[in-house]
Amino acid sequence: MITVENVRQDRGLDLFEEKRCAIDNVFFLNTYGKCVFWMNDRKVVMEKGDAILIPEGVQFYWKSIPTVFHSKYAVTFRKMNDSPPLPFFNSKEYIYAKLGCYDLIHERMKLISSQWNDKLPYYDILGAALMLEILTYCQRESDRGTLIPEKYNIVEIMKRYIQENYRRKITKEDLARVIRKSPNYAATLFSRTTGQTISEYVHSIRTKTAIYMLSESDLTIGEISEFLGYSDVSYFNKVFKRITGRTPSDYFNERPSIII
């Protein structure tokens, strides 16, 4: 198992961290913009979708690129004696990767951050489990090898199509027509790269939109469900809770009152 020691989010301009030797392991996920890392005196420009794992004992520091806003998560964690046998845990060098499964990792990272900030019961256990899940997905992607640019671009085309059409049913046949490949090729490449099936990715996009609408719109839960393409509101509730750990009603009840 692992224990999460600290979670933070860096957001802004002119940010930096002084050079230090990592006492524990640190995982960074960049979610917007760019910043520059130096690890054992090697330079890496970190962009959106990039991840860096710095093992204990590695010297590093980072800073913003002048005038460039960036946002990233940083999770410090410690390996325990009974940690799972992930090859990452044996590395003495930093690991840098452009993640095909970025969207999945980003969602898990947001959950870790909210657990850490809210300090709900058992937040430390859930945070450690989520961090271990993130490392496992990253290890799988590393084991498969670097995705060639052509395939990465094909996946981005499929993701963009889903983001533009998520309110209706999307099948592997739809994506196959978009990328001009076979349905099985489209489905396999998408899941192997993103760590999600096509339907899981569609549900995740719908859920993100639902969270915003539950907080910012005047629509009821039933109206939001229908707008997002769910004909059965109970199924919408089930999917929403599976992804977020909360019900739509939880967000709906936190909606600010309208003052007339």
C-alpha atoms as a PDB file:
ATOM      1  CA  MET A   1       0.000   0.000   0.000  1.00  0.00           C
ATOM      2  CA  ILE A   2       0.998   3.656  -0.161  1.00  0.00           C
ATOM      3  CA  THR A   3       0.214   6.647   2.033  1.00  0.00           C
ATOM      4  CA  VAL A   4      -0.537  10.100   0.641  1.00  0.00           C
ATOM      5  CA  GLU A   5       1.460  12.733   2.514  1.00  0.00           C
ATOM      6  CA  ASN A   6       0.322  15.892   0.716  1.00  0.00           C
ATOM      7  CA  VAL A   7      -1.862  17.083  -2.165  1.00  0.00           C
ATOM      8  CA  ARG A   8      -1.738  20.517  -3.694  1.00  0.00           C
ATOM      9  CA  GLN A   9      -2.679  22.363  -6.883  1.00  0.00           C
ATOM     10  CA  ASP A  10      -0.344  24.955  -8.399  1.00  0.00           C
ATOM     11  CA  ARG A  11      -2.167  27.566 -10.471  1.00  0.00           C
ATOM     12  CA  GLY A  12      -0.881  30.880 -11.746  1.00  0.00           C
ATOM     13  CA  LEU A  13       2.025  32.848 -13.198  1.00  0.00           C
ATOM     14  CA  ASP A  14       5.578  33.231 -11.893  1.00  0.00           C
ATOM     15  CA  LEU A  15       5.410  30.128  -9.711  1.00  0.00           C
ATOM     16  CA  PHE A  16       8.439  28.081  -8.705  1.00  0.00           C
ATOM     17  CA  GLU A  17       9.742  25.489  -6.275  1.00  0.00           C
ATOM     18  CA  GLU A  18      13.240  25.666  -4.843  1.00  0.00           C
ATOM     19  CA  LYS A  19      15.726  22.942  -5.713  1.00  0.00           C
ATOM     20  CA  ARG A  20      15.463  20.064  -3.275  1.00  0.00           C
ATOM     21  CA  CYS A  21      16.013  16.360  -2.911  1.00  0.00           C
ATOM     22  CA  ALA A  22      12.732  14.453  -2.872  1.00  0.00           C
ATOM     23  CA  ILE A  23      12.234  12.857   0.548  1.00  0.00           C
ATOM     24  CA  ASP A  24       9.198  10.936  -0.658  1.00  0.00           C
ATOM     25  CA  ASN A  25       7.795  10.206  -4.124  1.00  0.00           C
ATOM     26  CA  VAL A  26       6.095  13.086  -5.958  1.00  0.00           C
ATOM     27  CA  PHE A  27       3.642  12.734  -8.847  1.00  0.00           C
ATOM     28  CA  PHE A  28       2.878  15.795 -10.993  1.00  0.00           C
ATOM     29  CA  LEU A  29       0.045  16.106 -13.528  1.00  0.00           C
ATOM     30  CA  ASN A  30      -0.081  19.191 -15.715  1.00  0.00           C
ATOM     31  CA  THR A  31      -3.636  20.254 -16.594  1.00  0.00           C
ATOM     32  CA  TYR A  32      -3.105  23.586 -18.344  1.00  0.00           C
ATOM     33  CA  GLY A  33      -0.308  25.605 -19.922  1.00  0.00           C
ATOM     34  CA  LYS A  34       3.401  24.854 -19.587  1.00  0.00           C
ATOM     35  CA  CYS A  35       6.131  24.881 -16.975  1.00  0.00           C
ATOM     36  CA  VAL A  36       9.781  23.780 -16.843  1.00  0.00           C
ATOM     37  CA  PHE A  37      11.271  21.043 -14.652  1.00  0.00           C
ATOM     38  CA  TRP A  38      14.910  20.274 -13.917  1.00  0.00           C
ATOM     39  CA  MET A  39      15.551  16.796 -12.494  1.00  0.00           C
ATOM     40  CA  ASN A  40      19.140  15.763 -11.791  1.00  0.00           C
ATOM     41  CA  ASP A  41      20.064  18.761 -13.969  1.00  0.00           C
ATOM     42  CA  ARG A  42      18.008  17.511 -16.944  1.00  0.00           C
ATOM     43  CA  LYS A  43      15.439  19.894 -18.403  1.00  0.00           C
ATOM     44  CA  VAL A  44      11.855  18.889 -19.288  1.00  0.00           C
ATOM     45  CA  VAL A  45       9.114  21.208 -20.577  1.00  0.00           C
ATOM     46  CA  MET A  46       5.856  19.971 -19.075  1.00  0.00           C
ATOM     47  CA  GLU A  47       2.641  20.571 -21.044  1.00  0.00           C
ATOM     48  CA  LYS A  48      -1.026  19.760 -20.560  1.00  0.00           C
ATOM     49  CA  GLY A  49      -1.516  16.012 -20.358  1.00  0.00           C
ATOM     50  CA  ASP A  50       2.036  15.336 -19.172  1.00  0.00           C
ATOM     51  CA  ALA A  51       2.915  13.487 -15.979  1.00  0.00           C
ATOM     52  CA  ILE A  52       6.177  13.300 -14.035  1.00  0.00           C
ATOM     53  CA  LEU A  53       6.951  10.833 -11.261  1.00  0.00           C
ATOM     54  CA  ILE A  54       9.915  11.810  -9.117  1.00  0.00           C
ATOM     55  CA  PRO A  55      11.158   9.043  -6.797  1.00  0.00           C
ATOM     56  CA  GLU A  56      12.714   9.733  -3.425  1.00  0.00           C
ATOM     57  CA  GLY A  57      16.333  10.779  -3.620  1.00  0.00           C
ATOM     58  CA  VAL A  58      16.086  12.652  -6.938  1.00  0.00           C
ATOM     59  CA  GLN A  59      16.984  16.341  -6.944  1.00  0.00           C
ATOM     60  CA  PHE A  60      14.529  18.579  -8.761  1.00  0.00           C
ATOM     61  CA  TYR A  61      13.038  22.019  -9.076  1.00  0.00           C
ATOM     62  CA  TRP A  62      10.572  23.704 -11.403  1.00  0.00           C
ATOM     63  CA  LYS A  63       9.334  27.145 -12.388  1.00  0.00           C
ATOM     64  CA  SER A  64       6.759  28.817 -14.594  1.00  0.00           C
ATOM     65  CA  ILE A  65       7.589  29.974 -18.085  1.00  0.00           C
ATOM     66  CA  PRO A  66       7.492  33.799 -18.061  1.00  0.00           C
ATOM     67  CA  THR A  67       3.995  35.200 -18.837  1.00  0.00           C
ATOM     68  CA  VAL A  68       2.570  31.652 -19.288  1.00  0.00           C
ATOM     69  CA  PHE A  69      -0.220  30.572 -16.925  1.00  0.00           C
ATOM     70  CA  HIS A  70      -0.101  26.941 -15.893  1.00  0.00           C
ATOM     71  CA  SER A  71      -2.002  24.579 -13.607  1.00  0.00           C
ATOM     72  CA  LYS A  72      -0.888  21.234 -12.217  1.00  0.00           C
ATOM     73  CA  TYR A  73      -1.511  18.812  -9.372  1.00  0.00           C
ATOM     74  CA  ALA A  74       1.230  17.512  -7.105  1.00  0.00           C
ATOM     75  CA  VAL A  75       0.767  14.466  -4.876  1.00  0.00           C
ATOM     76  CA  THR A  76       3.462  13.437  -2.424  1.00  0.00           C
ATOM     77  CA  PHE A  77       3.222   9.820  -1.363  1.00  0.00           C
ATOM     78  CA  ARG A  78       5.235   7.234   0.529  1.00  0.00           C
ATOM     79  CA  LYS A  79       5.696   3.586  -0.360  1.00  0.00           C
ATOM     80  CA  MET A  80       5.020   1.050   2.358  1.00  0.00           C
ATOM     81  CA  ASN A  81       6.746  -2.303   2.783  1.00  0.00           C
ATOM     82  CA  ASP A  82       3.711  -4.066   1.344  1.00  0.00           C
ATOM     83  CA  SER A  83       3.431  -1.820  -1.734  1.00  0.00           C
ATOM     84  CA  PRO A  84       2.241  -3.577  -4.911  1.00  0.00           C
ATOM     85  CA  PRO A  85       5.055  -4.712  -7.234  1.00  0.00           C
ATOM     86  CA  LEU A  86       4.729  -1.888  -9.764  1.00  0.00           C
ATOM     87  CA  PRO A  87       7.993  -1.443 -11.732  1.00  0.00           C
ATOM     88  CA  PHE A  88       7.639   2.312 -11.159  1.00  0.00           C
ATOM     89  CA  PHE A  89       8.410   1.721  -7.480  1.00  0.00           C
ATOM     90  CA  ASN A  90      11.837   0.314  -8.342  1.00  0.00           C
ATOM     91  CA  SER A  91      12.890   3.282 -10.442  1.00  0.00           C
ATOM     92  CA  LYS A  92      15.723   5.482  -9.191  1.00  0.00           C
ATOM     93  CA  GLU A  93      15.242   7.977 -12.023  1.00  0.00           C
ATOM     94  CA  TYR A  94      12.401  10.346 -12.784  1.00  0.00           C
ATOM     95  CA  ILE A  95       9.690   9.154 -15.192  1.00  0.00           C
ATOM     96  CA  TYR A  96       8.144  11.537 -17.720  1.00  0.00           C
ATOM     97  CA  ALA A  97       5.161  10.623 -19.888  1.00  0.00           C
ATOM     98  CA  LYS A  98       2.592  12.128 -22.231  1.00  0.00           C
ATOM     99  CA  LEU A  99      -0.567  10.357 -21.077  1.00  0.00           C
ATOM    100  CA  GLY A 100      -3.038   8.845 -23.497  1.00  0.00           C
ATOM    101  CA  CYS A 101      -5.295   8.212 -20.495  1.00  0.00           C
ATOM    102  CA  TYR A 102      -5.007  11.833 -19.335  1.00  0.00           C
ATOM    103  CA  ASP A 103      -8.755  12.434 -18.964  1.00  0.00           C
ATOM    104  CA  LEU A 104      -9.128   9.401 -16.716  1.00  0.00           C
ATOM    105  CA  ILE A 105      -6.120  10.377 -14.593  1.00  0.00           C
ATOM    106  CA  HIS A 106      -7.334  13.969 -14.358  1.00  0.00           C
ATOM    107  CA  GLU A 107     -10.706  12.870 -12.977  1.00  0.00           C
ATOM    108  CA  ARG A 108      -9.014  10.671 -10.357  1.00  0.00           C
ATOM    109  CA  MET A 109      -6.695  13.521  -9.420  1.00  0.00           C
ATOM    110  CA  LYS A 110      -9.612  15.874  -8.868  1.00  0.00           C
ATOM    111  CA  LEU A 111     -11.163  13.305  -6.539  1.00  0.00           C
ATOM    112  CA  ILE A 112      -7.921  12.974  -4.565  1.00  0.00           C
ATOM    113  CA  SER A 113      -7.717  16.753  -4.247  1.00  0.00           C
ATOM    114  CA  SER A 114     -11.321  17.091  -3.045  1.00  0.00           C
ATOM    115  CA  GLN A 115     -10.841  14.281  -0.522  1.00  0.00           C
ATOM    116  CA  TRP A 116      -7.690  15.910   0.814  1.00  0.00           C
ATOM    117  CA  ASN A 117      -9.267  19.355   1.084  1.00  0.00           C
ATOM    118  CA  ASP A 118     -12.582  18.234   2.609  1.00  0.00           C
ATOM    119  CA  LYS A 119     -11.035  15.762   5.074  1.00  0.00           C
ATOM    120  CA  LEU A 120     -14.137  13.561   5.120  1.00  0.00           C
ATOM    121  CA  PRO A 121     -14.008  10.286   7.098  1.00  0.00           C
ATOM    122  CA  TYR A 122     -11.457   7.846   5.612  1.00  0.00           C
ATOM    123  CA  TYR A 123     -10.230  10.459   3.144  1.00  0.00           C
ATOM    124  CA  ASP A 124      -6.667   9.195   3.557  1.00  0.00           C
ATOM    125  CA  ILE A 125      -7.626   5.620   2.666  1.00  0.00           C
ATOM    126  CA  LEU A 126      -9.626   6.695  -0.385  1.00  0.00           C
ATOM    127  CA  GLY A 127      -6.885   9.091  -1.476  1.00  0.00           C
ATOM    128  CA  ALA A 128      -4.259   6.353  -1.284  1.00  0.00           C
ATOM    129  CA  ALA A 129      -6.478   3.954  -3.254  1.00  0.00           C
ATOM    130  CA  LEU A 130      -7.061   6.562  -5.975  1.00  0.00           C
ATOM    131  CA  MET A 131      -3.351   7.371  -6.178  1.00  0.00           C
ATOM    132  CA  LEU A 132      -2.518   3.691  -6.523  1.00  0.00           C
ATOM    133  CA  GLU A 133      -5.122   3.430  -9.301  1.00  0.00           C
ATOM    134  CA  ILE A 134      -3.469   6.364 -11.097  1.00  0.00           C
ATOM    135  CA  LEU A 135      -0.043   4.760 -10.853  1.00  0.00           C
ATOM    136  CA  THR A 136      -1.416   1.469 -12.132  1.00  0.00           C
ATOM    137  CA  TYR A 137      -2.979   3.093 -15.210  1.00  0.00           C
ATOM    138  CA  CYS A 138       0.284   4.956 -15.882  1.00  0.00           C
ATOM    139  CA  GLN A 139       2.273   1.729 -15.484  1.00  0.00           C
ATOM    140  CA  ARG A 140       0.023  -0.065 -17.971  1.00  0.00           C
ATOM    141  CA  GLU A 141       0.515   2.713 -20.475  1.00  0.00           C
ATOM    142  CA  SER A 142       4.264   2.672 -19.927  1.00  0.00           C
ATOM    143  CA  ASP A 143       4.404  -1.095 -20.412  1.00  0.00           C
ATOM    144  CA  ARG A 144       2.632  -0.776 -23.785  1.00  0.00           C
ATOM    145  CA  GLY A 145       5.253   1.695 -24.961  1.00  0.00           C
ATOM    146  CA  THR A 146       5.028   5.214 -26.340  1.00  0.00           C
ATOM    147  CA  LEU A 147       2.027   5.811 -28.570  1.00  0.00           C
ATOM    148  CA  ILE A 148       3.102   6.897 -32.037  1.00  0.00           C
ATOM    149  CA  PRO A 149       1.922  10.421 -32.981  1.00  0.00           C
ATOM    150  CA  GLU A 150      -0.395   9.162 -35.736  1.00  0.00           C
ATOM    151  CA  LYS A 151      -2.396   6.976 -33.345  1.00  0.00           C
ATOM    152  CA  TYR A 152      -2.414   9.692 -30.685  1.00  0.00           C
ATOM    153  CA  ASN A 153      -3.884  12.133 -33.205  1.00  0.00           C
ATOM    154  CA  ILE A 154      -6.539   9.591 -34.224  1.00  0.00           C
ATOM    155  CA  VAL A 155      -7.612   9.227 -30.594  1.00  0.00           C
ATOM    156  CA  GLU A 156      -7.777  13.007 -30.222  1.00  0.00           C
ATOM    157  CA  ILE A 157     -10.073  13.157 -33.269  1.00  0.00           C
ATOM    158  CA  MET A 158     -12.374  10.557 -31.683  1.00  0.00           C
ATOM    159  CA  LYS A 159     -12.389  12.403 -28.359  1.00  0.00           C
ATOM    160  CA  ARG A 160     -13.195  15.676 -30.073  1.00  0.00           C
ATOM    161  CA  TYR A 161     -16.092  14.044 -31.926  1.00  0.00           C
ATOM    162  CA  ILE A 162     -17.482  12.683 -28.656  1.00  0.00           C
ATOM    163  CA  GLN A 163     -17.135  16.062 -26.942  1.00  0.00           C
ATOM    164  CA  GLU A 164     -19.166  17.647 -29.744  1.00  0.00           C
ATOM    165  CA  ASN A 165     -21.866  14.938 -29.868  1.00  0.00           C
ATOM    166  CA  TYR A 166     -22.030  13.527 -26.322  1.00  0.00           C
ATOM    167  CA  ARG A 167     -25.759  14.219 -25.915  1.00  0.00           C
ATOM    168  CA  ARG A 168     -26.687  11.488 -28.374  1.00  0.00           C
ATOM    169  CA  LYS A 169     -25.783   7.801 -28.515  1.00  0.00           C
ATOM    170  CA  ILE A 170     -22.283   7.273 -29.889  1.00  0.00           C
ATOM    171  CA  THR A 171     -21.120   3.875 -31.118  1.00  0.00           C
ATOM    172  CA  LYS A 172     -17.872   2.439 -32.389  1.00  0.00           C
ATOM    173  CA  GLU A 173     -19.425   2.548 -35.868  1.00  0.00           C
ATOM    174  CA  ASP A 174     -19.801   6.321 -35.544  1.00  0.00           C
ATOM    175  CA  LEU A 175     -16.157   6.749 -34.567  1.00  0.00           C
ATOM    176  CA  ALA A 176     -15.037   4.359 -37.291  1.00  0.00           C
ATOM    177  CA  ARG A 177     -16.684   6.592 -39.900  1.00  0.00           C
ATOM    178  CA  VAL A 178     -14.952   9.648 -38.428  1.00  0.00           C
ATOM    179  CA  ILE A 179     -11.445   8.152 -38.541  1.00  0.00           C
ATOM    180  CA  ARG A 180     -12.095   5.963 -41.611  1.00  0.00           C
ATOM    181  CA  LYS A 181     -11.093   2.749 -39.881  1.00  0.00           C
ATOM    182  CA  SER A 182     -12.970  -0.392 -38.833  1.00  0.00           C
ATOM    183  CA  PRO A 183     -15.293  -0.248 -35.796  1.00  0.00           C
ATOM    184  CA  ASN A 184     -13.192  -2.766 -33.873  1.00  0.00           C
ATOM    185  CA  TYR A 185     -10.014  -0.806 -34.578  1.00  0.00           C
ATOM    186  CA  ALA A 186     -11.655   2.403 -33.355  1.00  0.00           C
ATOM    187  CA  ALA A 187     -12.958   0.817 -30.142  1.00  0.00           C
ATOM    188  CA  THR A 188      -9.705  -1.014 -29.346  1.00  0.00           C
ATOM    189  CA  LEU A 189      -7.433   1.963 -29.989  1.00  0.00           C
ATOM    190  CA  PHE A 190      -9.682   4.249 -27.965  1.00  0.00           C
ATOM    191  CA  SER A 191      -9.851   1.995 -24.897  1.00  0.00           C
ATOM    192  CA  ARG A 192      -6.154   1.018 -24.970  1.00  0.00           C
ATOM    193  CA  THR A 193      -5.112   4.658 -25.200  1.00  0.00           C
ATOM    194  CA  THR A 194      -7.560   6.380 -22.845  1.00  0.00           C
ATOM    195  CA  GLY A 195      -8.145   3.573 -20.339  1.00  0.00           C
ATOM    196  CA  GLN A 196     -11.883   4.007 -20.909  1.00  0.00           C
ATOM    197  CA  THR A 197     -14.408   2.446 -23.230  1.00  0.00           C
ATOM    198  CA  ILE A 198     -16.315   4.692 -25.607  1.00  0.00           C
ATOM    199  CA  SER A 199     -19.421   4.598 -23.400  1.00  0.00           C
ATOM    200  CA  GLU A 200     -17.390   5.310 -20.244  1.00  0.00           C
ATOM    201  CA  TYR A 201     -15.883   8.373 -21.888  1.00  0.00           C
ATOM    202  CA  VAL A 202     -19.322   9.565 -23.022  1.00  0.00           C
ATOM    203  CA  HIS A 203     -20.657   9.172 -19.470  1.00  0.00           C
ATOM    204  CA  SER A 204     -17.695  11.102 -18.066  1.00  0.00           C
ATOM    205  CA  ILE A 205     -18.319  14.038 -20.431  1.00  0.00           C
ATOM    206  CA  ARG A 206     -22.024  14.008 -19.595  1.00  0.00           C
ATOM    207  CA  THR A 207     -21.270  13.930 -15.870  1.00  0.00           C
ATOM    208  CA  LYS A 208     -18.940  16.934 -16.088  1.00  0.00           C
ATOM    209  CA  THR A 209     -21.702  18.872 -17.830  1.00  0.00           C
ATOM    210  CA  ALA A 210     -24.259  17.665 -15.297  1.00  0.00           C
ATOM    211  CA  ILE A 211     -22.190  18.933 -12.371  1.00  0.00           C
ATOM    212  CA  TYR A 212     -22.069  22.391 -13.932  1.00  0.00           C
ATOM    213  CA  MET A 213     -25.782  22.413 -14.760  1.00  0.00           C
ATOM    214  CA  LEU A 214     -26.790  21.164 -11.314  1.00  0.00           C
ATOM    215  CA  SER A 215     -24.895  24.059  -9.759  1.00  0.00           C
ATOM    216  CA  GLU A 216     -25.417  26.878 -12.237  1.00  0.00           C
ATOM    217  CA  SER A 217     -28.695  26.309 -14.121  1.00  0.00           C
ATOM    218  CA  ASP A 218     -32.351  26.493 -13.103  1.00  0.00           C
ATOM    219  CA  LEU A 219     -33.184  23.076 -14.557  1.00  0.00           C
ATOM    220  CA  THR A 220     -34.459  20.169 -12.501  1.00  0.00           C
ATOM    221  CA  ILE A 221     -32.588  16.885 -12.249  1.00  0.00           C
ATOM    222  CA  GLY A 222     -35.070  15.310 -14.663  1.00  0.00           C
ATOM    223  CA  GLU A 223     -34.613  18.101 -17.200  1.00  0.00           C
ATOM    224  CA  ILE A 224     -30.823  17.855 -16.966  1.00  0.00           C
ATOM    225  CA  SER A 225     -31.001  14.092 -17.392  1.00  0.00           C
ATOM    226  CA  GLU A 226     -33.076  14.457 -20.540  1.00  0.00           C
ATOM    227  CA  PHE A 227     -30.860  17.236 -21.907  1.00  0.00           C
ATOM    228  CA  LEU A 228     -27.786  15.021 -21.552  1.00  0.00           C
ATOM    229  CA  GLY A 229     -29.383  12.139 -23.430  1.00  0.00           C
ATOM    230  CA  TYR A 230     -30.636   9.947 -20.572  1.00  0.00           C
ATOM    231  CA  SER A 231     -34.244   8.893 -21.070  1.00  0.00           C
ATOM    232  CA  ASP A 232     -34.344   7.240 -17.634  1.00  0.00           C
ATOM    233  CA  VAL A 233     -33.541   9.578 -14.730  1.00  0.00           C
ATOM    234  CA  SER A 234     -32.863   6.666 -12.372  1.00  0.00           C
ATOM    235  CA  TYR A 235     -30.152   5.427 -14.743  1.00  0.00           C
ATOM    236  CA  PHE A 236     -28.709   8.937 -14.862  1.00  0.00           C
ATOM    237  CA  ASN A 237     -28.597   8.958 -11.049  1.00  0.00           C
ATOM    238  CA  LYS A 238     -26.836   5.585 -11.027  1.00  0.00           C
ATOM    239  CA  VAL A 239     -24.191   6.601 -13.570  1.00  0.00           C
ATOM    240  CA  PHE A 240     -23.620   9.959 -11.881  1.00  0.00           C
ATOM    241  CA  LYS A 241     -23.057   8.416  -8.445  1.00  0.00           C
ATOM    242  CA  ARG A 242     -20.749   5.728  -9.844  1.00  0.00           C
ATOM    243  CA  ILE A 243     -18.498   8.380 -11.360  1.00  0.00           C
ATOM    244  CA  THR A 244     -18.592  11.103  -8.703  1.00  0.00           C
ATOM    245  CA  GLY A 245     -19.389   9.194  -5.523  1.00  0.00           C
ATOM    246  CA  ARG A 246     -22.283  11.606  -4.915  1.00  0.00           C
ATOM    247  CA  THR A 247     -25.858  11.850  -6.152  1.00  0.00           C
ATOM    248  CA  PRO A 248     -27.224  14.587  -8.419  1.00  0.00           C
ATOM    249  CA  SER A 249     -29.431  15.619  -5.482  1.00  0.00           C
ATOM    250  CA  ASP A 250     -26.319  16.401  -3.430  1.00  0.00           C
ATOM    251  CA  TYR A 251     -25.221  18.980  -5.993  1.00  0.00           C
ATOM    252  CA  PHE A 252     -28.766  20.164  -6.624  1.00  0.00           C
ATOM    253  CA  ASN A 253     -29.339  20.883  -2.929  1.00  0.00           C
ATOM    254  CA  GLU A 254     -26.140  22.949  -2.806  1.00  0.00           C
ATOM    255  CA  ARG A 255     -27.382  25.177  -5.625  1.00  0.00           C
ATOM    256  CA  PRO A 256     -27.414  28.834  -4.496  1.00  0.00           C
ATOM    257  CA  SER A 257     -30.849  30.276  -3.869  1.00  0.00           C
ATOM    258  CA  ILE A 258     -32.084  32.720  -6.489  1.00  0.00           C
ATOM    259  CA  ILE A 259     -32.693  36.177  -5.041  1.00  0.00           C
ATOM    260  CA  ILE A 260     -35.393  38.118  -6.852  1.00  0.00           C
END
